[in-house]
PDB file of N, CA and C in Angstrom:
ATOM      1  N   MET A   1      20.985  17.533   9.530  1.00  0.00           N
ATOM      2  CA  MET A   1      20.424  16.764   9.793  1.00  0.00           C
ATOM      3  C   MET A   1      18.868  16.617  10.047  1.00  0.00           C
ATOM      4  N   PRO A   2      18.166  15.940   8.316  1.00  0.00           N
ATOM      5  CA  PRO A   2      16.826  16.674   8.120  1.00  0.00           C
ATOM      6  C   PRO A   2      16.576  15.658   9.296  1.00  0.00           C
ATOM      7  N   LEU A   3      14.988  16.232   9.863  1.00  0.00           N
ATOM      8  CA  LEU A   3      14.433  15.468  10.675  1.00  0.00           C
ATOM      9  C   LEU A   3      13.035  14.834  10.306  1.00  0.00           C
ATOM     10  N   GLY A   4      12.959  14.214   8.906  1.00  0.00           N
ATOM     11  CA  GLY A   4      11.703  13.483   8.034  1.00  0.00           C
ATOM     12  C   GLY A   4      11.662  13.915   6.701  1.00  0.00           C
ATOM     13  N   PRO A   5      10.783  13.107   5.979  1.00  0.00           N
ATOM     14  CA  PRO A   5      11.515  13.776   4.802  1.00  0.00           C
ATOM     15  C   PRO A   5      11.087  14.428   4.343  1.00  0.00           C
ATOM     16  N   ASP A   6      11.182  15.146   2.861  1.00  0.00           N
ATOM     17  CA  ASP A   6      10.669  16.207   2.456  1.00  0.00           C
ATOM     18  C   ASP A   6       9.936  16.060   1.949  1.00  0.00           C
ATOM     19  N   PRO A   7       9.030  17.936   3.128  1.00  0.00           N
ATOM     20  CA  PRO A   7       7.662  17.661   2.531  1.00  0.00           C
ATOM     21  C   PRO A   7       6.899  17.473   1.354  1.00  0.00           C
ATOM     22  N   SER A   8       7.334  18.291  -0.091  1.00  0.00           N
ATOM     23  CA  SER A   8       7.315  17.755  -1.106  1.00  0.00           C
ATOM     24  C   SER A   8       7.485  16.026  -1.699  1.00  0.00           C
ATOM     25  N   LEU A   9       8.184  15.300  -1.482  1.00  0.00           N
ATOM     26  CA  LEU A   9       7.728  14.200  -2.247  1.00  0.00           C
ATOM     27  C   LEU A   9       7.354  13.286  -1.809  1.00  0.00           C
ATOM     28  N   ALA A  10       6.819  13.713   0.137  1.00  0.00           N
ATOM     29  CA  ALA A  10       6.072  13.013   0.560  1.00  0.00           C
ATOM     30  C   ALA A  10       4.949  13.025   0.349  1.00  0.00           C
ATOM     31  N   ARG A  11       4.218  15.101   0.193  1.00  0.00           N
ATOM     32  CA  ARG A  11       3.113  14.462  -0.657  1.00  0.00           C
ATOM     33  C   ARG A  11       3.351  14.065  -1.952  1.00  0.00           C
ATOM     34  N   THR A  12       4.013  14.044  -2.806  1.00  0.00           N
ATOM     35  CA  THR A  12       3.724  13.021  -4.119  1.00  0.00           C
ATOM     36  C   THR A  12       3.610  11.551  -4.091  1.00  0.00           C
ATOM     37  N   ALA A  13       4.615  11.017  -2.854  1.00  0.00           N
ATOM     38  CA  ALA A  13       4.206   9.705  -2.465  1.00  0.00           C
ATOM     39  C   ALA A  13       3.203   9.635  -1.988  1.00  0.00           C
ATOM     40  N   LEU A  14       2.566  10.244  -1.221  1.00  0.00           N
ATOM     41  CA  LEU A  14       0.979   9.969  -0.638  1.00  0.00           C
ATOM     42  C   LEU A  14      -0.071  11.065  -1.733  1.00  0.00           C
ATOM     43  N   ASP A  15       0.167  11.208  -2.724  1.00  0.00           N
ATOM     44  CA  ASP A  15      -0.732  11.502  -3.689  1.00  0.00           C
ATOM     45  C   ASP A  15      -0.791  10.103  -4.504  1.00  0.00           C
ATOM     46  N   ARG A  16       0.028   9.508  -4.838  1.00  0.00           N
ATOM     47  CA  ARG A  16       0.414   8.194  -6.087  1.00  0.00           C
ATOM     48  C   ARG A  16      -0.106   6.853  -4.993  1.00  0.00           C
ATOM     49  N   LEU A  17       0.478   7.203  -3.387  1.00  0.00           N
ATOM     50  CA  LEU A  17      -0.260   6.050  -2.207  1.00  0.00           C
ATOM     51  C   LEU A  17      -2.358   6.107  -3.172  1.00  0.00           C
ATOM     52  N   ASP A  18      -2.345   7.359  -2.689  1.00  0.00           N
ATOM     53  CA  ASP A  18      -4.073   7.605  -2.862  1.00  0.00           C
ATOM     54  C   ASP A  18      -4.094   6.753  -4.431  1.00  0.00           C
ATOM     55  N   ALA A  19      -3.821   7.039  -5.167  1.00  0.00           N
ATOM     56  CA  ALA A  19      -4.473   6.985  -6.811  1.00  0.00           C
ATOM     57  C   ALA A  19      -4.203   5.275  -6.748  1.00  0.00           C
ATOM     58  N   LEU A  20      -3.171   4.924  -5.870  1.00  0.00           N
ATOM     59  CA  LEU A  20      -3.316   3.399  -6.057  1.00  0.00           C
ATOM     60  C   LEU A  20      -4.018   2.856  -5.175  1.00  0.00           C
ATOM     61  N   ARG A  21      -4.480   3.440  -3.936  1.00  0.00           N
ATOM     62  CA  ARG A  21      -5.578   2.987  -3.104  1.00  0.00           C
ATOM     63  C   ARG A  21      -6.989   2.491  -3.907  1.00  0.00           C
ATOM     64  N   ASP A  22      -6.803   3.384  -4.499  1.00  0.00           N
ATOM     65  CA  ASP A  22      -8.201   3.729  -5.270  1.00  0.00           C
ATOM     66  C   ASP A  22      -8.701   3.131  -6.780  1.00  0.00           C
ATOM     67  N   LEU A  23      -7.673   2.544  -6.823  1.00  0.00           N
ATOM     68  CA  LEU A  23      -7.290   1.741  -8.381  1.00  0.00           C
ATOM     69  C   LEU A  23      -7.839   0.083  -8.160  1.00  0.00           C
ATOM     70  N   LEU A  24      -6.833  -0.398  -6.896  1.00  0.00           N
ATOM     71  CA  LEU A  24      -6.975  -1.293  -6.359  1.00  0.00           C
ATOM     72  C   LEU A  24      -8.330  -2.302  -5.995  1.00  0.00           C
ATOM     73  N   PRO A  25      -9.264  -1.775  -5.760  1.00  0.00           N
ATOM     74  CA  PRO A  25     -10.714  -1.970  -5.279  1.00  0.00           C
ATOM     75  C   PRO A  25     -11.458  -2.001  -6.852  1.00  0.00           C
ATOM     76  N   ALA A  26     -10.930  -1.259  -8.131  1.00  0.00           N
ATOM     77  CA  ALA A  26     -11.355  -1.571  -9.435  1.00  0.00           C
ATOM     78  C   ALA A  26     -10.490  -3.125  -9.716  1.00  0.00           C
ATOM     79  N   ALA A  27      -9.184  -2.800  -9.527  1.00  0.00           N
ATOM     80  CA  ALA A  27      -8.520  -4.468 -10.455  1.00  0.00           C
ATOM     81  C   ALA A  27      -9.130  -5.710  -9.596  1.00  0.00           C
ATOM     82  N   GLU A  28      -9.007  -5.623  -8.144  1.00  0.00           N
ATOM     83  CA  GLU A  28      -9.583  -6.653  -8.114  1.00  0.00           C
ATOM     84  C   GLU A  28     -10.811  -7.557  -8.370  1.00  0.00           C
ATOM     85  N   ASP A  29     -11.725  -6.355  -8.468  1.00  0.00           N
ATOM     86  CA  ASP A  29     -13.337  -6.545  -9.411  1.00  0.00           C
ATOM     87  C   ASP A  29     -13.333  -6.749 -10.499  1.00  0.00           C
ATOM     88  N   ASP A  30     -12.686  -6.605 -11.154  1.00  0.00           N
ATOM     89  CA  ASP A  30     -11.638  -6.775 -13.118  1.00  0.00           C
ATOM     90  C   ASP A  30     -11.361  -8.274 -12.960  1.00  0.00           C
ATOM     91  N   LEU A  31     -10.420  -8.735 -11.753  1.00  0.00           N
ATOM     92  CA  LEU A  31      -9.376  -9.902 -11.762  1.00  0.00           C
ATOM     93  C   LEU A  31     -10.427 -10.601 -11.653  1.00  0.00           C
ATOM     94  N   LEU A  32     -11.788 -10.797 -10.560  1.00  0.00           N
ATOM     95  CA  LEU A  32     -12.304 -11.568 -10.347  1.00  0.00           C
ATOM     96  C   LEU A  32     -13.761 -12.063 -11.742  1.00  0.00           C
ATOM     97  N   ALA A  33     -13.779 -10.805 -12.217  1.00  0.00           N
ATOM     98  CA  ALA A  33     -14.757 -10.686 -13.435  1.00  0.00           C
ATOM     99  C   ALA A  33     -14.358 -11.839 -14.900  1.00  0.00           C
ATOM    100  N   CYS A  34     -12.882 -12.111 -14.483  1.00  0.00           N
ATOM    101  CA  CYS A  34     -11.841 -13.293 -15.209  1.00  0.00           C
ATOM    102  C   CYS A  34     -12.276 -14.771 -14.793  1.00  0.00           C
ATOM    103  N   LEU A  35     -13.499 -15.077 -13.966  1.00  0.00           N
ATOM    104  CA  LEU A  35     -13.749 -16.104 -13.365  1.00  0.00           C
ATOM    105  C   LEU A  35     -13.958 -16.753 -14.665  1.00  0.00           C
ATOM    106  N   VAL A  36     -13.170 -18.189 -15.226  1.00  0.00           N
ATOM    107  CA  VAL A  36     -13.544 -18.635 -16.147  1.00  0.00           C
ATOM    108  C   VAL A  36     -14.454 -20.297 -15.711  1.00  0.00           C
ATOM    109  N   VAL A  37     -15.267 -21.240 -16.197  1.00  0.00           N
ATOM    110  CA  VAL A  37     -15.765 -21.797 -15.790  1.00  0.00           C
ATOM    111  C   VAL A  37     -15.338 -23.582 -16.889  1.00  0.00           C
ATOM    112  N   THR A  38     -14.194 -23.885 -16.724  1.00  0.00           N
ATOM    113  CA  THR A  38     -13.506 -25.483 -17.110  1.00  0.00           C
ATOM    114  C   THR A  38     -14.371 -25.687 -17.978  1.00  0.00           C
ATOM    115  N   GLY A  39     -15.561 -27.132 -16.754  1.00  0.00           N
ATOM    116  CA  GLY A  39     -15.677 -27.413 -16.660  1.00  0.00           C
ATOM    117  C   GLY A  39     -15.077 -29.407 -16.136  1.00  0.00           C
ATOM    118  N   GLU A  40     -13.825 -28.547 -15.782  1.00  0.00           N
ATOM    119  CA  GLU A  40     -13.045 -30.150 -15.365  1.00  0.00           C
ATOM    120  C   GLU A  40     -12.486 -29.543 -13.836  1.00  0.00           C
ATOM    121  N   PRO A  41     -12.906 -30.496 -12.826  1.00  0.00           N
ATOM    122  CA  PRO A  41     -12.520 -29.807 -11.389  1.00  0.00           C
ATOM    123  C   PRO A  41     -11.058 -29.834 -10.501  1.00  0.00           C
ATOM    124  N   ARG A  42     -10.320 -30.406 -11.438  1.00  0.00           N
ATOM    125  CA  ARG A  42      -8.816 -29.769 -11.383  1.00  0.00           C
ATOM    126  C   ARG A  42      -8.766 -28.866 -11.807  1.00  0.00           C
ATOM    127  N   PRO A  43      -8.319 -28.521 -13.146  1.00  0.00           N
ATOM    128  CA  PRO A  43      -8.041 -27.050 -13.514  1.00  0.00           C
ATOM    129  C   PRO A  43      -8.959 -26.085 -13.047  1.00  0.00           C
ATOM    130  N   GLN A  44     -10.267 -26.126 -12.551  1.00  0.00           N
ATOM    131  CA  GLN A  44     -11.090 -25.327 -11.993  1.00  0.00           C
ATOM    132  C   GLN A  44     -10.369 -24.454 -10.960  1.00  0.00           C
ATOM    133  N   ARG A  45     -10.325 -26.059  -9.841  1.00  0.00           N
ATOM    134  CA  ARG A  45      -9.781 -25.455  -8.880  1.00  0.00           C
ATOM    135  C   ARG A  45      -8.405 -24.723  -8.557  1.00  0.00           C
ATOM    136  N   VAL A  46      -7.484 -25.810 -10.014  1.00  0.00           N
ATOM    137  CA  VAL A  46      -6.243 -24.157  -9.564  1.00  0.00           C
ATOM    138  C   VAL A  46      -6.155 -23.016 -10.188  1.00  0.00           C
ATOM    139  N   LEU A  47      -6.730 -22.582 -11.089  1.00  0.00           N
ATOM    140  CA  LEU A  47      -7.510 -21.521 -11.511  1.00  0.00           C
ATOM    141  C   LEU A  47      -8.021 -20.494 -10.640  1.00  0.00           C
ATOM    142  N   ASP A  48      -8.847 -21.121 -10.124  1.00  0.00           N
ATOM    143  CA  ASP A  48      -9.920 -20.280  -8.549  1.00  0.00           C
ATOM    144  C   ASP A  48      -8.975 -20.232  -7.698  1.00  0.00           C
ATOM    145  N   ASP A  49      -8.008 -21.099  -7.475  1.00  0.00           N
ATOM    146  CA  ASP A  49      -6.984 -20.878  -6.218  1.00  0.00           C
ATOM    147  C   ASP A  49      -6.243 -19.685  -7.074  1.00  0.00           C
ATOM    148  N   TRP A  50      -5.534 -19.128  -8.114  1.00  0.00           N
ATOM    149  CA  TRP A  50      -4.550 -18.298  -8.317  1.00  0.00           C
ATOM    150  C   TRP A  50      -5.633 -17.738  -7.977  1.00  0.00           C
ATOM    151  N   LEU A  51      -6.748 -17.050  -9.662  1.00  0.00           N
ATOM    152  CA  LEU A  51      -7.481 -16.182  -8.587  1.00  0.00           C
ATOM    153  C   LEU A  51      -7.623 -15.438  -7.292  1.00  0.00           C
ATOM    154  N   ASP A  52      -7.557 -16.641  -6.517  1.00  0.00           N
ATOM    155  CA  ASP A  52      -8.215 -15.735  -4.870  1.00  0.00           C
ATOM    156  C   ASP A  52      -6.779 -15.339  -4.074  1.00  0.00           C
ATOM    157  N   GLN A  53      -5.231 -16.398  -5.170  1.00  0.00           N
ATOM    158  CA  GLN A  53      -3.835 -15.277  -4.118  1.00  0.00           C
ATOM    159  C   GLN A  53      -3.763 -13.657  -5.467  1.00  0.00           C
ATOM    160  N   ALA A  54      -3.984 -14.032  -6.101  1.00  0.00           N
ATOM    161  CA  ALA A  54      -3.578 -12.450  -6.225  1.00  0.00           C
ATOM    162  C   ALA A  54      -5.076 -11.344  -5.680  1.00  0.00           C
ATOM    163  N   ALA A  55      -6.112 -12.266  -5.500  1.00  0.00           N
ATOM    164  CA  ALA A  55      -6.934 -11.018  -5.157  1.00  0.00           C
ATOM    165  C   ALA A  55      -6.543 -10.754  -4.114  1.00  0.00           C
ATOM    166  N   ASP A  56      -6.016 -11.776  -3.267  1.00  0.00           N
ATOM    167  CA  ASP A  56      -4.906 -11.400  -1.889  1.00  0.00           C
ATOM    168  C   ASP A  56      -4.398 -10.371  -1.924  1.00  0.00           C
ATOM    169  N   THR A  57      -3.618 -10.425  -2.806  1.00  0.00           N
ATOM    170  CA  THR A  57      -2.395  -9.772  -3.368  1.00  0.00           C
ATOM    171  C   THR A  57      -2.356  -8.376  -3.392  1.00  0.00           C
ATOM    172  N   LEU A  58      -3.891  -8.529  -4.118  1.00  0.00           N
ATOM    173  CA  LEU A  58      -3.975  -7.024  -4.542  1.00  0.00           C
ATOM    174  C   LEU A  58      -4.693  -6.224  -2.934  1.00  0.00           C
ATOM    175  N   ARG A  59      -5.329  -7.374  -1.558  1.00  0.00           N
ATOM    176  CA  ARG A  59      -6.304  -6.476  -0.951  1.00  0.00           C
ATOM    177  C   ARG A  59      -4.904  -6.423  -0.399  1.00  0.00           C
ATOM    178  N   ALA A  60      -3.728  -7.112   0.243  1.00  0.00           N
ATOM    179  CA  ALA A  60      -2.247  -6.384   1.057  1.00  0.00           C
ATOM    180  C   ALA A  60      -1.967  -5.719   0.117  1.00  0.00           C
ATOM    181  N   LEU A  61      -2.082  -5.576  -0.822  1.00  0.00           N
ATOM    182  CA  LEU A  61      -1.293  -4.424  -1.625  1.00  0.00           C
ATOM    183  C   LEU A  61      -1.972  -2.850  -0.813  1.00  0.00           C
ATOM    184  N   GLY A  62      -3.056  -3.052  -0.681  1.00  0.00           N
ATOM    185  CA  GLY A  62      -4.139  -1.978  -0.148  1.00  0.00           C
ATOM    186  C   GLY A  62      -3.225  -1.833   1.446  1.00  0.00           C
ATOM    187  N   GLU A  63      -3.783  -2.648   1.702  1.00  0.00           N
ATOM    188  CA  GLU A  63      -3.564  -2.404   3.231  1.00  0.00           C
ATOM    189  C   GLU A  63      -1.914  -1.735   3.916  1.00  0.00           C
ATOM    190  N   VAL A  64      -0.867  -2.506   2.686  1.00  0.00           N
ATOM    191  CA  VAL A  64       0.758  -2.050   3.114  1.00  0.00           C
ATOM    192  C   VAL A  64       0.534  -0.212   2.761  1.00  0.00           C
ATOM    193  N   ALA A  65      -0.322  -0.039   1.036  1.00  0.00           N
ATOM    194  CA  ALA A  65      -0.593   1.242   1.206  1.00  0.00           C
ATOM    195  C   ALA A  65      -0.816   2.140   2.250  1.00  0.00           C
ATOM    196  N   ASP A  66      -2.392   1.464   2.803  1.00  0.00           N
ATOM    197  CA  ASP A  66      -2.848   2.657   4.292  1.00  0.00           C
ATOM    198  C   ASP A  66      -1.909   2.507   5.642  1.00  0.00           C
ATOM    199  N   GLU A  67      -1.198   1.702   5.108  1.00  0.00           N
ATOM    200  CA  GLU A  67       0.085   1.927   5.961  1.00  0.00           C
ATOM    201  C   GLU A  67       0.509   3.060   6.438  1.00  0.00           C
ATOM    202  N   VAL A  68       1.558   3.176   4.365  1.00  0.00           N
ATOM    203  CA  VAL A  68       2.510   3.870   4.245  1.00  0.00           C
ATOM    204  C   VAL A  68       2.320   4.620   4.496  1.00  0.00           C
ATOM    205  N   ALA A  69       1.118   5.535   4.020  1.00  0.00           N
ATOM    206  CA  ALA A  69       0.111   6.554   3.673  1.00  0.00           C
ATOM    207  C   ALA A  69      -0.260   7.101   5.209  1.00  0.00           C
ATOM    208  N   ALA A  70      -0.086   6.164   6.488  1.00  0.00           N
ATOM    209  CA  ALA A  70      -0.619   7.137   7.481  1.00  0.00           C
ATOM    210  C   ALA A  70       0.540   7.554   8.139  1.00  0.00           C
ATOM    211  N   VAL A  71       2.303   6.742   8.055  1.00  0.00           N
ATOM    212  CA  VAL A  71       3.073   6.922   8.010  1.00  0.00           C
ATOM    213  C   VAL A  71       3.596   8.732   7.115  1.00  0.00           C
ATOM    214  N   LEU A  72       3.392   9.184   6.266  1.00  0.00           N
ATOM    215  CA  LEU A  72       3.711   9.595   5.578  1.00  0.00           C
ATOM    216  C   LEU A  72       3.199  11.245   5.900  1.00  0.00           C
ATOM    217  N   ALA A  73       2.014  11.325   6.020  1.00  0.00           N
ATOM    218  CA  ALA A  73       0.429  11.898   6.231  1.00  0.00           C
ATOM    219  C   ALA A  73       0.753  13.090   6.332  1.00  0.00           C
ATOM    220  N   PRO A  74       1.364  12.752   7.945  1.00  0.00           N
ATOM    221  CA  PRO A  74       1.860  14.223   9.563  1.00  0.00           C
ATOM    222  C   PRO A  74       3.271  14.612   8.154  1.00  0.00           C
ATOM    223  N   HIS A  75       3.964  13.940   7.887  1.00  0.00           N
ATOM    224  CA  HIS A  75       5.044  14.801   6.828  1.00  0.00           C
ATOM    225  C   HIS A  75       5.169  15.154   5.231  1.00  0.00           C
ATOM    226  N   ALA A  76       3.923  15.507   4.989  1.00  0.00           N
ATOM    227  CA  ALA A  76       3.448  15.943   3.235  1.00  0.00           C
ATOM    228  C   ALA A  76       2.950  17.180   3.664  1.00  0.00           C
ATOM    229  N   ALA A  77       3.930  18.156   2.619  1.00  0.00           N
ATOM    230  CA  ALA A  77       3.150  19.019   2.187  1.00  0.00           C
ATOM    231  C   ALA A  77       1.988  19.693   2.228  1.00  0.00           C
ATOM    232  N   PRO A  78       0.718  20.216   2.595  1.00  0.00           N
ATOM    233  CA  PRO A  78      -0.434  20.363   1.855  1.00  0.00           C
ATOM    234  C   PRO A  78      -0.870  19.999   0.916  1.00  0.00           C
ATOM    235  N   SER A  79      -1.297  19.338   0.132  1.00  0.00           N
ATOM    236  CA  SER A  79      -2.315  19.477  -1.247  1.00  0.00           C
ATOM    237  C   SER A  79      -2.528  20.630  -2.256  1.00  0.00           C
ATOM    238  N   ASP A  80      -2.596  22.069  -1.022  1.00  0.00           N
ATOM    239  CA  ASP A  80      -3.506  23.021  -1.562  1.00  0.00           C
ATOM    240  C   ASP A  80      -2.129  24.035  -1.784  1.00  0.00           C
ATOM    241  N   GLY A  81      -0.487  23.275  -1.739  1.00  0.00           N
ATOM    242  CA  GLY A  81       0.783  23.680  -2.217  1.00  0.00           C
ATOM    243  C   GLY A  81       1.316  24.654  -0.709  1.00  0.00           C
ATOM    244  N   GLY A  82       0.626  25.193   0.049  1.00  0.00           N
ATOM    245  CA  GLY A  82       0.618  25.664   1.312  1.00  0.00           C
ATOM    246  C   GLY A  82       2.080  25.381   1.812  1.00  0.00           C
ATOM    247  N   VAL A  83       2.253  26.175   2.948  1.00  0.00           N
ATOM    248  CA  VAL A  83       3.364  24.792   3.884  1.00  0.00           C
ATOM    249  C   VAL A  83       3.537  24.312   4.696  1.00  0.00           C
ATOM    250  N   ALA A  84       3.745  23.374   5.195  1.00  0.00           N
ATOM    251  CA  ALA A  84       3.393  22.222   6.442  1.00  0.00           C
ATOM    252  C   ALA A  84       3.978  23.189   7.544  1.00  0.00           C
ATOM    253  N   THR A  85       3.191  23.170   8.372  1.00  0.00           N
ATOM    254  CA  THR A  85       3.091  23.830   9.750  1.00  0.00           C
ATOM    255  C   THR A  85       3.864  22.539  10.434  1.00  0.00           C
ATOM    256  N   PRO A  86       5.403  22.977  11.479  1.00  0.00           N
ATOM    257  CA  PRO A  86       4.881  21.424  12.292  1.00  0.00           C
ATOM    258  C   PRO A  86       3.859  21.694  13.336  1.00  0.00           C
ATOM    259  N   GLY A  87       3.616  20.393  13.657  1.00  0.00           N
ATOM    260  CA  GLY A  87       2.481  20.110  14.614  1.00  0.00           C
ATOM    261  C   GLY A  87       1.430  20.634  14.459  1.00  0.00           C
ATOM    262  N   THR A  88       0.799  20.580  13.221  1.00  0.00           N
ATOM    263  CA  THR A  88      -0.255  20.711  12.836  1.00  0.00           C
ATOM    264  C   THR A  88      -1.475  19.381  12.257  1.00  0.00           C
ATOM    265  N   ALA A  89      -0.056  18.294  11.981  1.00  0.00           N
ATOM    266  CA  ALA A  89      -0.317  16.911  11.184  1.00  0.00           C
ATOM    267  C   ALA A  89      -0.638  15.670  12.621  1.00  0.00           C
ATOM    268  N   PRO A  90      -1.400  15.010  12.626  1.00  0.00           N
ATOM    269  CA  PRO A  90      -1.159  14.227  13.983  1.00  0.00           C
ATOM    270  C   PRO A  90       0.172  13.044  14.144  1.00  0.00           C
ATOM    271  N   LEU A  91       0.478  12.437  15.168  1.00  0.00           N
ATOM    272  CA  LEU A  91       1.227  12.279  14.601  1.00  0.00           C
ATOM    273  C   LEU A  91       1.119  10.941  14.421  1.00  0.00           C
ATOM    274  N   ALA A  92       2.183  10.259  13.836  1.00  0.00           N
ATOM    275  CA  ALA A  92       2.190   9.061  13.203  1.00  0.00           C
ATOM    276  C   ALA A  92       2.388   7.762  14.189  1.00  0.00           C
ATOM    277  N   PRO A  93       1.835   6.212  13.906  1.00  0.00           N
ATOM    278  CA  PRO A  93       2.432   5.524  15.034  1.00  0.00           C
ATOM    279  C   PRO A  93       4.240   5.078  14.819  1.00  0.00           C
ATOM    280  N   VAL A  94       4.736   4.820  16.160  1.00  0.00           N
ATOM    281  CA  VAL A  94       5.759   4.644  15.556  1.00  0.00           C
ATOM    282  C   VAL A  94       5.887   3.374  15.193  1.00  0.00           C
ATOM    283  N   VAL A  95       6.666   2.793  13.991  1.00  0.00           N
ATOM    284  CA  VAL A  95       7.029   1.216  13.412  1.00  0.00           C
ATOM    285  C   VAL A  95       8.382   0.408  13.600  1.00  0.00           C
ATOM    286  N   PRO A  96       7.995  -0.447  14.415  1.00  0.00           N
ATOM    287  CA  PRO A  96       9.358  -0.956  14.499  1.00  0.00           C
ATOM    288  C   PRO A  96      10.139  -1.443  13.255  1.00  0.00           C
ATOM    289  N   LEU A  97      12.011  -1.472  13.591  1.00  0.00           N
ATOM    290  CA  LEU A  97      12.356  -1.806  12.692  1.00  0.00           C
ATOM    291  C   LEU A  97      12.209  -3.444  12.447  1.00  0.00           C
ATOM    292  N   PRO A  98      12.628  -3.855  11.431  1.00  0.00           N
ATOM    293  CA  PRO A  98      12.493  -5.678  11.734  1.00  0.00           C
ATOM    294  C   PRO A  98      13.462  -5.599  11.913  1.00  0.00           C
ATOM    295  N   THR A  99      13.519  -6.942  12.998  1.00  0.00           N
ATOM    296  CA  THR A  99      14.913  -7.683  13.216  1.00  0.00           C
ATOM    297  C   THR A  99      15.101  -9.214  12.810  1.00  0.00           C
ATOM    298  N   TRP A 100      16.948  -8.784  12.702  1.00  0.00           N
ATOM    299  CA  TRP A 100      17.716 -10.186  11.296  1.00  0.00           C
ATOM    300  C   TRP A 100      18.301 -11.016  12.588  1.00  0.00           C
ATOM    301  N   PRO A 101      18.301 -12.026  11.904  1.00  0.00           N
ATOM    302  CA  PRO A 101      19.314 -12.703  12.981  1.00  0.00           C
ATOM    303  C   PRO A 101      20.871 -12.777  12.749  1.00  0.00           C
ATOM    304  N   ASP A 102      21.532 -13.092  14.167  1.00  0.00           N
ATOM    305  CA  ASP A 102      22.637 -12.862  13.801  1.00  0.00           C
ATOM    306  C   ASP A 102      23.484 -13.478  12.408  1.00  0.00           C
ATOM    307  N   GLU A 103      23.207 -13.920  11.994  1.00  0.00           N
ATOM    308  CA  GLU A 103      23.898 -14.600  10.819  1.00  0.00           C
ATOM    309  C   GLU A 103      23.372 -13.616   9.620  1.00  0.00           C
ATOM    310  N   ALA A 104      22.802 -12.763   9.331  1.00  0.00           N
ATOM    311  CA  ALA A 104      22.355 -12.300   8.343  1.00  0.00           C
ATOM    312  C   ALA A 104      22.841 -10.664   8.851  1.00  0.00           C
ATOM    313  N   ARG A 105      23.379 -10.553   9.508  1.00  0.00           N
ATOM    314  CA  ARG A 105      24.700  -9.557   9.947  1.00  0.00           C
ATOM    315  C   ARG A 105      25.473  -9.244   9.132  1.00  0.00           C
ATOM    316  N   ARG A 106      26.151 -10.257   9.210  1.00  0.00           N
ATOM    317  CA  ARG A 106      28.026 -11.541   8.733  1.00  0.00           C
ATOM    318  C   ARG A 106      27.908 -10.766   7.163  1.00  0.00           C
TER     319      ARG A 106
END
């Protein structure tokens, strides 16, 4: 029984998460640059709210990517292609699994 994720797969996922985290701030800036002035109060408010929600979603995605990367990092193979040695990476915090109501288990 494996004790954790495959180190090479964890490294691949970690690299992709890093790329995503690098991309998200630019995507948020690009999204907020799309703000236009409609001249009408109600449509402007709807547009502003939508852009704010989309920007908040990008920020939340970045936060989740940070959390997942922190959990994967100790299991990932070194980026230089070497072999991971147990005990060389800091331990990741234990993340509790969500609990489900009894009705959802049936």
